Amino acid sequence: MHKYKQLEQFLYVQKNTKVTLAFEQIEEILGFSLPKTAKTQCHWWSNTISDSRSPAIAWLRTFRRVSHVEPGKHVTFSRSLI
């Protein structure tokens, strides 16, 4: 099980095509704090999997992509057909 499995499970059951979550909500779902770079650097939310620890696994497995990041505030996941 990967570190971001709880986020994956949360996104999997969401019915809306777009889900916007504040960083605090994501931390609550995960049960741990996001790294500082996740809150300040958009590239942390890349839609590519660089290795088995990549957080992108969580949303890509649910057929979602990060469509918008507002540093310091929130991230939006949109349903993807690919």
PDB file of N, CA and C in Angstrom:
ATOM      1  N   MET A   1       0.851  -1.185   0.000  1.00  0.00           N
ATOM      2  CA  MET A   1       0.000   0.000   0.000  1.00  0.00           C
ATOM      3  C   MET A   1       0.893   1.243   0.000  1.00  0.00           C
ATOM      4  N   HIS A   2       0.576   2.192  -0.868  1.00  0.00           N
ATOM      5  CA  HIS A   2       1.381   3.404  -0.949  1.00  0.00           C
ATOM      6  C   HIS A   2       0.927   4.441   0.082  1.00  0.00           C
ATOM      7  N   LYS A   3       1.786   5.380   0.336  1.00  0.00           N
ATOM      8  CA  LYS A   3       1.593   6.398   1.371  1.00  0.00           C
ATOM      9  C   LYS A   3       0.312   7.225   1.190  1.00  0.00           C
ATOM     10  N   TYR A   4      -0.130   7.411  -0.053  1.00  0.00           N
ATOM     11  CA  TYR A   4      -1.276   8.266  -0.338  1.00  0.00           C
ATOM     12  C   TYR A   4      -2.543   7.467  -0.646  1.00  0.00           C
ATOM     13  N   LYS A   5      -2.598   6.230  -0.189  1.00  0.00           N
ATOM     14  CA  LYS A   5      -3.732   5.345  -0.446  1.00  0.00           C
ATOM     15  C   LYS A   5      -5.048   5.928   0.077  1.00  0.00           C
ATOM     16  N   GLN A   6      -5.024   6.583   1.210  1.00  0.00           N
ATOM     17  CA  GLN A   6      -6.254   7.157   1.776  1.00  0.00           C
ATOM     18  C   GLN A   6      -6.842   8.218   0.843  1.00  0.00           C
ATOM     19  N   LEU A   7      -5.992   9.002   0.218  1.00  0.00           N
ATOM     20  CA  LEU A   7      -6.471   9.995  -0.743  1.00  0.00           C
ATOM     21  C   LEU A   7      -7.060   9.289  -1.958  1.00  0.00           C
ATOM     22  N   GLU A   8      -6.404   8.262  -2.411  1.00  0.00           N
ATOM     23  CA  GLU A   8      -6.921   7.472  -3.531  1.00  0.00           C
ATOM     24  C   GLU A   8      -8.314   6.939  -3.217  1.00  0.00           C
ATOM     25  N   GLN A   9      -8.488   6.367  -2.051  1.00  0.00           N
ATOM     26  CA  GLN A   9      -9.784   5.805  -1.669  1.00  0.00           C
ATOM     27  C   GLN A   9     -10.848   6.900  -1.578  1.00  0.00           C
ATOM     28  N   PHE A  10     -10.478   8.059  -1.070  1.00  0.00           N
ATOM     29  CA  PHE A  10     -11.417   9.174  -0.978  1.00  0.00           C
ATOM     30  C   PHE A  10     -11.860   9.609  -2.376  1.00  0.00           C
ATOM     31  N   LEU A  11     -10.910   9.818  -3.271  1.00  0.00           N
ATOM     32  CA  LEU A  11     -11.234  10.275  -4.620  1.00  0.00           C
ATOM     33  C   LEU A  11     -12.034   9.237  -5.399  1.00  0.00           C
ATOM     34  N   TYR A  12     -11.767   7.979  -5.153  1.00  0.00           N
ATOM     35  CA  TYR A  12     -12.436   6.897  -5.875  1.00  0.00           C
ATOM     36  C   TYR A  12     -13.950   6.941  -5.698  1.00  0.00           C
ATOM     37  N   VAL A  13     -14.424   7.300  -4.521  1.00  0.00           N
ATOM     38  CA  VAL A  13     -15.867   7.280  -4.248  1.00  0.00           C
ATOM     39  C   VAL A  13     -16.567   8.604  -4.562  1.00  0.00           C
ATOM     40  N   GLN A  14     -15.814   9.603  -4.986  1.00  0.00           N
ATOM     41  CA  GLN A  14     -16.421  10.895  -5.306  1.00  0.00           C
ATOM     42  C   GLN A  14     -17.153  10.818  -6.633  1.00  0.00           C
ATOM     43  N   LYS A  15     -18.367  11.337  -6.687  1.00  0.00           N
ATOM     44  CA  LYS A  15     -19.209  11.280  -7.882  1.00  0.00           C
ATOM     45  C   LYS A  15     -19.021  12.484  -8.801  1.00  0.00           C
ATOM     46  N   ASN A  16     -18.665  13.632  -8.250  1.00  0.00           N
ATOM     47  CA  ASN A  16     -18.503  14.842  -9.054  1.00  0.00           C
ATOM     48  C   ASN A  16     -17.312  14.725  -9.992  1.00  0.00           C
ATOM     49  N   THR A  17     -17.407  15.369 -11.146  1.00  0.00           N
ATOM     50  CA  THR A  17     -16.300  15.323 -12.099  1.00  0.00           C
ATOM     51  C   THR A  17     -15.110  16.145 -11.612  1.00  0.00           C
ATOM     52  N   LYS A  18     -15.366  17.152 -10.779  1.00  0.00           N
ATOM     53  CA  LYS A  18     -14.292  17.943 -10.175  1.00  0.00           C
ATOM     54  C   LYS A  18     -14.414  17.902  -8.662  1.00  0.00           C
ATOM     55  N   VAL A  19     -13.283  17.724  -8.006  1.00  0.00           N
ATOM     56  CA  VAL A  19     -13.231  17.716  -6.546  1.00  0.00           C
ATOM     57  C   VAL A  19     -12.125  18.678  -6.134  1.00  0.00           C
ATOM     58  N   THR A  20     -12.488  19.715  -5.390  1.00  0.00           N
ATOM     59  CA  THR A  20     -11.508  20.673  -4.886  1.00  0.00           C
ATOM     60  C   THR A  20     -11.362  20.468  -3.392  1.00  0.00           C
ATOM     61  N   LEU A  21     -10.121  20.294  -2.965  1.00  0.00           N
ATOM     62  CA  LEU A  21      -9.832  20.059  -1.553  1.00  0.00           C
ATOM     63  C   LEU A  21      -8.786  21.046  -1.064  1.00  0.00           C
ATOM     64  N   ALA A  22      -9.046  21.641   0.095  1.00  0.00           N
ATOM     65  CA  ALA A  22      -8.037  22.476   0.750  1.00  0.00           C
ATOM     66  C   ALA A  22      -6.925  21.548   1.235  1.00  0.00           C
ATOM     67  N   PHE A  23      -5.723  22.080   1.328  1.00  0.00           N
ATOM     68  CA  PHE A  23      -4.612  21.264   1.800  1.00  0.00           C
ATOM     69  C   PHE A  23      -4.899  20.661   3.169  1.00  0.00           C
ATOM     70  N   GLU A  24      -5.599  21.405   4.015  1.00  0.00           N
ATOM     71  CA  GLU A  24      -5.946  20.894   5.344  1.00  0.00           C
ATOM     72  C   GLU A  24      -6.878  19.685   5.244  1.00  0.00           C
ATOM     73  N   GLN A  25      -7.791  19.710   4.281  1.00  0.00           N
ATOM     74  CA  GLN A  25      -8.692  18.567   4.080  1.00  0.00           C
ATOM     75  C   GLN A  25      -7.906  17.335   3.625  1.00  0.00           C
ATOM     76  N   ILE A  26      -6.966  17.543   2.730  1.00  0.00           N
ATOM     77  CA  ILE A  26      -6.140  16.421   2.260  1.00  0.00           C
ATOM     78  C   ILE A  26      -5.355  15.836   3.411  1.00  0.00           C
ATOM     79  N   GLU A  27      -4.797  16.687   4.258  1.00  0.00           N
ATOM     80  CA  GLU A  27      -4.045  16.205   5.426  1.00  0.00           C
ATOM     81  C   GLU A  27      -4.944  15.429   6.376  1.00  0.00           C
ATOM     82  N   GLU A  28      -6.176  15.874   6.518  1.00  0.00           N
ATOM     83  CA  GLU A  28      -7.127  15.156   7.373  1.00  0.00           C
ATOM     84  C   GLU A  28      -7.431  13.772   6.793  1.00  0.00           C
ATOM     85  N   ILE A  29      -7.611  13.702   5.492  1.00  0.00           N
ATOM     86  CA  ILE A  29      -7.870  12.431   4.816  1.00  0.00           C
ATOM     87  C   ILE A  29      -6.675  11.497   4.975  1.00  0.00           C
ATOM     88  N   LEU A  30      -5.468  12.037   4.795  1.00  0.00           N
ATOM     89  CA  LEU A  30      -4.254  11.225   4.856  1.00  0.00           C
ATOM     90  C   LEU A  30      -3.872  10.835   6.281  1.00  0.00           C
ATOM     91  N   GLY A  31      -4.156  11.713   7.222  1.00  0.00           N
ATOM     92  CA  GLY A  31      -3.751  11.454   8.601  1.00  0.00           C
ATOM     93  C   GLY A  31      -2.332  11.906   8.894  1.00  0.00           C
ATOM     94  N   PHE A  32      -1.750  12.698   7.993  1.00  0.00           N
ATOM     95  CA  PHE A  32      -0.422  13.259   8.214  1.00  0.00           C
ATOM     96  C   PHE A  32      -0.293  14.551   7.404  1.00  0.00           C
ATOM     97  N   SER A  33       0.710  15.342   7.741  1.00  0.00           N
ATOM     98  CA  SER A  33       0.925  16.622   7.061  1.00  0.00           C
ATOM     99  C   SER A  33       1.574  16.414   5.704  1.00  0.00           C
ATOM    100  N   LEU A  34       1.136  17.207   4.755  1.00  0.00           N
ATOM    101  CA  LEU A  34       1.782  17.231   3.446  1.00  0.00           C
ATOM    102  C   LEU A  34       3.137  17.910   3.578  1.00  0.00           C
ATOM    103  N   PRO A  35       4.078  17.572   2.705  1.00  0.00           N
ATOM    104  CA  PRO A  35       5.356  18.289   2.732  1.00  0.00           C
ATOM    105  C   PRO A  35       5.139  19.765   2.377  1.00  0.00           C
ATOM    106  N   LYS A  36       6.014  20.608   2.844  1.00  0.00           N
ATOM    107  CA  LYS A  36       5.906  22.045   2.575  1.00  0.00           C
ATOM    108  C   LYS A  36       5.838  22.320   1.079  1.00  0.00           C
ATOM    109  N   THR A  37       6.591  21.580   0.288  1.00  0.00           N
ATOM    110  CA  THR A  37       6.591  21.811  -1.164  1.00  0.00           C
ATOM    111  C   THR A  37       5.226  21.534  -1.786  1.00  0.00           C
ATOM    112  N   ALA A  38       4.439  20.640  -1.198  1.00  0.00           N
ATOM    113  CA  ALA A  38       3.097  20.357  -1.720  1.00  0.00           C
ATOM    114  C   ALA A  38       2.200  21.583  -1.586  1.00  0.00           C
ATOM    115  N   LYS A  39       2.448  22.384  -0.583  1.00  0.00           N
ATOM    116  CA  LYS A  39       1.609  23.554  -0.338  1.00  0.00           C
ATOM    117  C   LYS A  39       2.090  24.801  -1.077  1.00  0.00           C
ATOM    118  N   THR A  40       3.327  24.775  -1.546  1.00  0.00           N
ATOM    119  CA  THR A  40       3.894  25.981  -2.154  1.00  0.00           C
ATOM    120  C   THR A  40       4.330  25.815  -3.610  1.00  0.00           C
ATOM    121  N   GLN A  41       4.521  24.579  -4.065  1.00  0.00           N
ATOM    122  CA  GLN A  41       5.040  24.336  -5.415  1.00  0.00           C
ATOM    123  C   GLN A  41       4.059  23.519  -6.245  1.00  0.00           C
ATOM    124  N   CYS A  42       3.569  24.107  -7.309  1.00  0.00           N
ATOM    125  CA  CYS A  42       2.596  23.418  -8.171  1.00  0.00           C
ATOM    126  C   CYS A  42       3.152  22.128  -8.754  1.00  0.00           C
ATOM    127  N   HIS A  43       4.448  22.084  -9.027  1.00  0.00           N
ATOM    128  CA  HIS A  43       5.021  20.880  -9.653  1.00  0.00           C
ATOM    129  C   HIS A  43       4.911  19.637  -8.771  1.00  0.00           C
ATOM    130  N   TRP A  44       4.725  19.807  -7.471  1.00  0.00           N
ATOM    131  CA  TRP A  44       4.564  18.652  -6.585  1.00  0.00           C
ATOM    132  C   TRP A  44       3.326  17.853  -6.999  1.00  0.00           C
ATOM    133  N   TRP A  45       2.347  18.536  -7.571  1.00  0.00           N
ATOM    134  CA  TRP A  45       1.075  17.934  -7.970  1.00  0.00           C
ATOM    135  C   TRP A  45       1.085  17.460  -9.425  1.00  0.00           C
ATOM    136  N   SER A  46       2.242  17.156  -9.940  1.00  0.00           N
ATOM    137  CA  SER A  46       2.393  16.695 -11.314  1.00  0.00           C
ATOM    138  C   SER A  46       1.538  15.453 -11.573  1.00  0.00           C
ATOM    139  N   ASN A  47       1.053  15.333 -12.780  1.00  0.00           N
ATOM    140  CA  ASN A  47       0.244  14.178 -13.177  1.00  0.00           C
ATOM    141  C   ASN A  47       1.100  13.062 -13.774  1.00  0.00           C
ATOM    142  N   THR A  48       2.335  12.967 -13.326  1.00  0.00           N
ATOM    143  CA  THR A  48       3.225  11.895 -13.777  1.00  0.00           C
ATOM    144  C   THR A  48       3.725  11.106 -12.576  1.00  0.00           C
ATOM    145  N   ILE A  49       3.947   9.840 -12.803  1.00  0.00           N
ATOM    146  CA  ILE A  49       4.453   8.963 -11.746  1.00  0.00           C
ATOM    147  C   ILE A  49       5.943   8.773 -11.962  1.00  0.00           C
ATOM    148  N   SER A  50       6.725   9.297 -11.029  1.00  0.00           N
ATOM    149  CA  SER A  50       8.171   9.217 -11.156  1.00  0.00           C
ATOM    150  C   SER A  50       8.749   7.954 -10.512  1.00  0.00           C
ATOM    151  N   ASP A  51       8.088   7.453  -9.491  1.00  0.00           N
ATOM    152  CA  ASP A  51       8.512   6.211  -8.839  1.00  0.00           C
ATOM    153  C   ASP A  51       7.354   5.671  -8.002  1.00  0.00           C
ATOM    154  N   SER A  52       7.569   4.572  -7.323  1.00  0.00           N
ATOM    155  CA  SER A  52       6.487   3.911  -6.574  1.00  0.00           C
ATOM    156  C   SER A  52       6.013   4.716  -5.365  1.00  0.00           C
ATOM    157  N   ARG A  53       6.725   5.766  -5.008  1.00  0.00           N
ATOM    158  CA  ARG A  53       6.315   6.614  -3.878  1.00  0.00           C
ATOM    159  C   ARG A  53       5.621   7.882  -4.347  1.00  0.00           C
ATOM    160  N   SER A  54       5.429   8.019  -5.624  1.00  0.00           N
ATOM    161  CA  SER A  54       4.850   9.231  -6.199  1.00  0.00           C
ATOM    162  C   SER A  54       3.412   9.450  -5.716  1.00  0.00           C
ATOM    163  N   PRO A  55       3.086  10.661  -5.253  1.00  0.00           N
ATOM    164  CA  PRO A  55       1.720  10.922  -4.816  1.00  0.00           C
ATOM    165  C   PRO A  55       0.719  10.853  -5.971  1.00  0.00           C
ATOM    166  N   ALA A  56       1.171  11.049  -7.203  1.00  0.00           N
ATOM    167  CA  ALA A  56       0.271  11.022  -8.361  1.00  0.00           C
ATOM    168  C   ALA A  56      -0.443   9.687  -8.511  1.00  0.00           C
ATOM    169  N   ILE A  57       0.118   8.633  -7.961  1.00  0.00           N
ATOM    170  CA  ILE A  57      -0.538   7.321  -7.999  1.00  0.00           C
ATOM    171  C   ILE A  57      -1.949   7.436  -7.435  1.00  0.00           C
ATOM    172  N   ALA A  58      -2.108   8.220  -6.376  1.00  0.00           N
ATOM    173  CA  ALA A  58      -3.397   8.336  -5.691  1.00  0.00           C
ATOM    174  C   ALA A  58      -4.501   8.840  -6.596  1.00  0.00           C
ATOM    175  N   TRP A  59      -4.229   9.847  -7.395  1.00  0.00           N
ATOM    176  CA  TRP A  59      -5.311  10.377  -8.240  1.00  0.00           C
ATOM    177  C   TRP A  59      -5.354   9.729  -9.617  1.00  0.00           C
ATOM    178  N   LEU A  60      -4.233   9.326 -10.156  1.00  0.00           N
ATOM    179  CA  LEU A  60      -4.253   8.706 -11.480  1.00  0.00           C
ATOM    180  C   LEU A  60      -4.953   7.347 -11.472  1.00  0.00           C
ATOM    181  N   ARG A  61      -4.848   6.612 -10.383  1.00  0.00           N
ATOM    182  CA  ARG A  61      -5.554   5.325 -10.278  1.00  0.00           C
ATOM    183  C   ARG A  61      -7.066   5.494 -10.221  1.00  0.00           C
ATOM    184  N   THR A  62      -7.521   6.688  -9.896  1.00  0.00           N
ATOM    185  CA  THR A  62      -8.969   6.947  -9.839  1.00  0.00           C
ATOM    186  C   THR A  62      -9.450   7.677 -11.085  1.00  0.00           C
ATOM    187  N   PHE A  63      -8.627   7.669 -12.119  1.00  0.00           N
ATOM    188  CA  PHE A  63      -8.942   8.322 -13.397  1.00  0.00           C
ATOM    189  C   PHE A  63      -9.173   9.816 -13.229  1.00  0.00           C
ATOM    190  N   ARG A  64      -8.348  10.412 -12.390  1.00  0.00           N
ATOM    191  CA  ARG A  64      -8.395  11.862 -12.189  1.00  0.00           C
ATOM    192  C   ARG A  64      -7.022  12.453 -12.471  1.00  0.00           C
ATOM    193  N   ARG A  65      -7.040  13.738 -12.772  1.00  0.00           N
ATOM    194  CA  ARG A  65      -5.814  14.500 -12.982  1.00  0.00           C
ATOM    195  C   ARG A  65      -5.933  15.778 -12.162  1.00  0.00           C
ATOM    196  N   VAL A  66      -4.809  16.295 -11.726  1.00  0.00           N
ATOM    197  CA  VAL A  66      -4.816  17.590 -11.071  1.00  0.00           C
ATOM    198  C   VAL A  66      -5.008  18.625 -12.169  1.00  0.00           C
ATOM    199  N   SER A  67      -6.076  19.391 -12.057  1.00  0.00           N
ATOM    200  CA  SER A  67      -6.380  20.390 -13.085  1.00  0.00           C
ATOM    201  C   SER A  67      -6.056  21.816 -12.630  1.00  0.00           C
ATOM    202  N   HIS A  68      -5.929  22.020 -11.319  1.00  0.00           N
ATOM    203  CA  HIS A  68      -5.613  23.359 -10.813  1.00  0.00           C
ATOM    204  C   HIS A  68      -5.027  23.246  -9.409  1.00  0.00           C
ATOM    205  N   VAL A  69      -4.010  24.048  -9.166  1.00  0.00           N
ATOM    206  CA  VAL A  69      -3.424  24.159  -7.822  1.00  0.00           C
ATOM    207  C   VAL A  69      -3.358  25.631  -7.473  1.00  0.00           C
ATOM    208  N   GLU A  70      -3.882  25.969  -6.326  1.00  0.00           N
ATOM    209  CA  GLU A  70      -3.772  27.331  -5.791  1.00  0.00           C
ATOM    210  C   GLU A  70      -2.809  27.233  -4.605  1.00  0.00           C
ATOM    211  N   PRO A  71      -1.518  27.582  -4.817  1.00  0.00           N
ATOM    212  CA  PRO A  71      -0.532  27.438  -3.739  1.00  0.00           C
ATOM    213  C   PRO A  71      -1.010  28.051  -2.427  1.00  0.00           C
ATOM    214  N   GLY A  72      -0.814  27.295  -1.372  1.00  0.00           N
ATOM    215  CA  GLY A  72      -1.221  27.747  -0.047  1.00  0.00           C
ATOM    216  C   GLY A  72      -2.691  27.568   0.261  1.00  0.00           C
ATOM    217  N   LYS A  73      -3.480  27.105  -0.724  1.00  0.00           N
ATOM    218  CA  LYS A  73      -4.925  27.013  -0.512  1.00  0.00           C
ATOM    219  C   LYS A  73      -5.518  25.647  -0.829  1.00  0.00           C
ATOM    220  N   HIS A  74      -5.549  25.285  -2.118  1.00  0.00           N
ATOM    221  CA  HIS A  74      -6.264  24.061  -2.476  1.00  0.00           C
ATOM    222  C   HIS A  74      -5.758  23.462  -3.795  1.00  0.00           C
ATOM    223  N   VAL A  75      -6.281  22.274  -4.079  1.00  0.00           N
ATOM    224  CA  VAL A  75      -5.987  21.571  -5.330  1.00  0.00           C
ATOM    225  C   VAL A  75      -7.300  21.012  -5.882  1.00  0.00           C
ATOM    226  N   THR A  76      -7.434  21.043  -7.203  1.00  0.00           N
ATOM    227  CA  THR A  76      -8.633  20.515  -7.864  1.00  0.00           C
ATOM    228  C   THR A  76      -8.254  19.295  -8.687  1.00  0.00           C
ATOM    229  N   PHE A  77      -8.997  18.220  -8.477  1.00  0.00           N
ATOM    230  CA  PHE A  77      -8.843  16.966  -9.220  1.00  0.00           C
ATOM    231  C   PHE A  77     -10.020  16.850 -10.169  1.00  0.00           C
ATOM    232  N   SER A  78      -9.749  16.607 -11.440  1.00  0.00           N
ATOM    233  CA  SER A  78     -10.809  16.462 -12.453  1.00  0.00           C
ATOM    234  C   SER A  78     -10.778  15.064 -13.031  1.00  0.00           C
ATOM    235  N   ARG A  79     -11.962  14.535 -13.288  1.00  0.00           N
ATOM    236  CA  ARG A  79     -12.072  13.203 -13.883  1.00  0.00           C
ATOM    237  C   ARG A  79     -11.466  13.232 -15.271  1.00  0.00           C
ATOM    238  N   SER A  80     -10.698  12.212 -15.571  1.00  0.00           N
ATOM    239  CA  SER A  80     -10.029  12.089 -16.860  1.00  0.00           C
ATOM    240  C   SER A  80     -10.512  10.838 -17.565  1.00  0.00           C
ATOM    241  N   LEU A  81     -10.612  10.890 -18.869  1.00  0.00           N
ATOM    242  CA  LEU A  81     -11.036   9.723 -19.630  1.00  0.00           C
ATOM    243  C   LEU A  81      -9.865   8.833 -20.005  1.00  0.00           C
ATOM    244  N   ILE A  82      -8.641   9.299 -19.799  1.00  0.00           N
ATOM    245  CA  ILE A  82      -7.489   8.472 -20.126  1.00  0.00           C
ATOM    246  C   ILE A  82      -6.684   8.176 -18.890  1.00  0.00           C
TER     247      ILE A  82
END
